[in-house]
């Protein structure tokens, strides 16, 4: 199994949706748990990396474990062993780059 580096590429925030649908409206702001540039490493055994958001982990787990097991997303991605995914928070999603690597 390969390790997978998870990098936070971007935190988005849709203020208009927050105002329309969330109790606290736009005051909630973008994801408070992760910051752009944060990196985490999945080392196997279905263990979520320390400090990672449990909700986002549920959303990207399948992609992480697929890359760890050797999945490829060529020709859709320009680099083998890589995938771009995001969490499913519709108001403040976070976009991740997943990259499989060997020691």
Protein backbone atom coordinates (compact mmCIF):
# COMPACT_ATOMS: atom_id res chain seq x y z
CA UNK A 1 0.00 0.00 0.00
CA UNK A 2 1.15 3.50 -0.79
CA UNK A 3 0.92 6.49 1.51
CA UNK A 4 -1.30 9.39 0.44
CA UNK A 5 -0.53 13.06 1.03
CA UNK A 6 -3.65 15.17 1.51
CA UNK A 7 -3.13 18.89 0.90
CA UNK A 8 -5.72 21.58 1.47
CA UNK A 9 -5.83 23.56 -1.77
CA UNK A 10 -8.70 25.94 -1.12
CA UNK A 11 -11.39 26.83 1.40
CA UNK A 12 -14.51 28.26 -0.20
CA UNK A 13 -17.34 30.16 1.45
CA UNK A 14 -20.68 30.96 -0.14
CA UNK A 15 -21.94 33.85 1.94
CA UNK A 16 -25.29 34.03 0.14
CA UNK A 17 -26.05 30.40 1.03
CA UNK A 18 -24.93 30.94 4.61
CA UNK A 19 -27.30 33.88 4.95
CA UNK A 20 -30.17 31.96 3.37
CA UNK A 21 -29.76 28.61 5.13
CA UNK A 22 -27.59 28.70 8.26
CA UNK A 23 -28.71 29.76 11.71
CA UNK A 24 -25.67 32.00 12.20
CA UNK A 25 -25.65 33.21 8.60
CA UNK A 26 -22.45 34.61 7.14
CA UNK A 27 -20.91 34.87 10.62
CA UNK A 28 -19.88 31.19 10.36
CA UNK A 29 -17.25 32.01 7.72
CA UNK A 30 -15.15 29.42 5.89
CA UNK A 31 -14.18 26.07 7.43
CA UNK A 32 -12.58 26.74 10.82
CA UNK A 33 -10.84 23.36 11.04
CA UNK A 34 -8.56 23.37 7.99
CA UNK A 35 -6.36 26.02 6.40
CA UNK A 36 -5.01 26.31 2.86
CA UNK A 37 -1.64 24.60 2.67
CA UNK A 38 -2.31 22.17 5.54
CA UNK A 39 -0.97 18.71 4.75
CA UNK A 40 -1.79 15.32 6.22
CA UNK A 41 -0.47 11.84 5.45
CA UNK A 42 -2.61 8.71 5.27
CA UNK A 43 -0.45 5.73 6.21
CA UNK A 44 -3.02 2.96 5.85
CA UNK A 45 -5.15 0.84 8.15
CA UNK A 46 -8.21 3.08 7.59
CA UNK A 47 -6.87 5.49 10.21
CA UNK A 48 -7.78 9.15 9.71
CA UNK A 49 -4.71 11.42 9.95
CA UNK A 50 -4.48 13.29 13.25
CA UNK A 51 -6.03 16.75 13.12
CA UNK A 52 -8.08 16.05 10.01
CA UNK A 53 -11.78 16.96 9.86
CA UNK A 54 -13.90 13.83 10.50
CA UNK A 55 -16.67 15.05 8.18
CA UNK A 56 -14.25 15.70 5.31
CA UNK A 57 -12.62 12.32 6.00
CA UNK A 58 -15.94 10.57 5.37
CA UNK A 59 -16.22 12.43 2.06
CA UNK A 60 -12.71 11.71 0.70
CA UNK A 61 -11.96 8.33 2.31
CA UNK A 62 -12.84 6.28 -0.78
CA UNK A 63 -10.49 8.36 -2.95
CA UNK A 64 -7.68 8.17 -0.40
CA UNK A 65 -7.89 4.39 -0.03
CA UNK A 66 -8.20 3.89 -3.80
CA UNK A 67 -4.99 5.82 -4.41
CA UNK A 68 -3.30 3.96 -1.58
CA UNK A 69 -4.22 0.67 -3.29
CA UNK A 70 -2.79 1.83 -6.64
CA UNK A 71 -5.75 3.39 -8.46
CA UNK A 72 -5.00 5.64 -11.39
CA UNK A 73 -7.07 8.52 -12.71
CA UNK A 74 -5.24 8.92 -16.01
CA UNK A 75 -6.21 10.27 -18.51
CA UNK A 76 -8.48 12.59 -16.48
CA UNK A 77 -5.62 13.93 -14.35
CA UNK A 78 -2.28 15.02 -15.77
CA UNK A 79 -0.34 13.22 -13.04
CA UNK A 80 -0.70 9.55 -12.12
CA UNK A 81 -1.51 8.75 -8.50
CA UNK A 82 -3.30 12.04 -7.97
CA UNK A 83 -6.89 13.14 -7.50
CA UNK A 84 -8.66 16.39 -6.58
CA UNK A 85 -11.62 15.99 -4.21
CA UNK A 86 -13.65 18.14 -1.86
CA UNK A 87 -15.82 17.78 1.19
CA UNK A 88 -19.57 17.98 0.69
CA UNK A 89 -20.25 21.05 2.82
CA UNK A 90 -22.30 23.09 0.36
CA UNK A 91 -21.79 26.39 2.17
CA UNK A 92 -18.08 26.16 3.01
CA UNK A 93 -16.45 23.34 1.04
CA UNK A 94 -12.76 22.53 1.21
CA UNK A 95 -10.84 21.30 -1.86
CA UNK A 96 -8.07 18.73 -1.42
CA UNK A 97 -5.22 17.40 -3.58
CA UNK A 98 -4.54 13.72 -2.93
CA UNK A 99 -1.17 12.33 -4.01
CA UNK A 100 -0.02 8.74 -3.57
CA UNK A 101 3.66 8.24 -2.82
CA UNK A 102 6.11 5.59 -1.71
CA UNK A 103 8.63 5.90 1.09
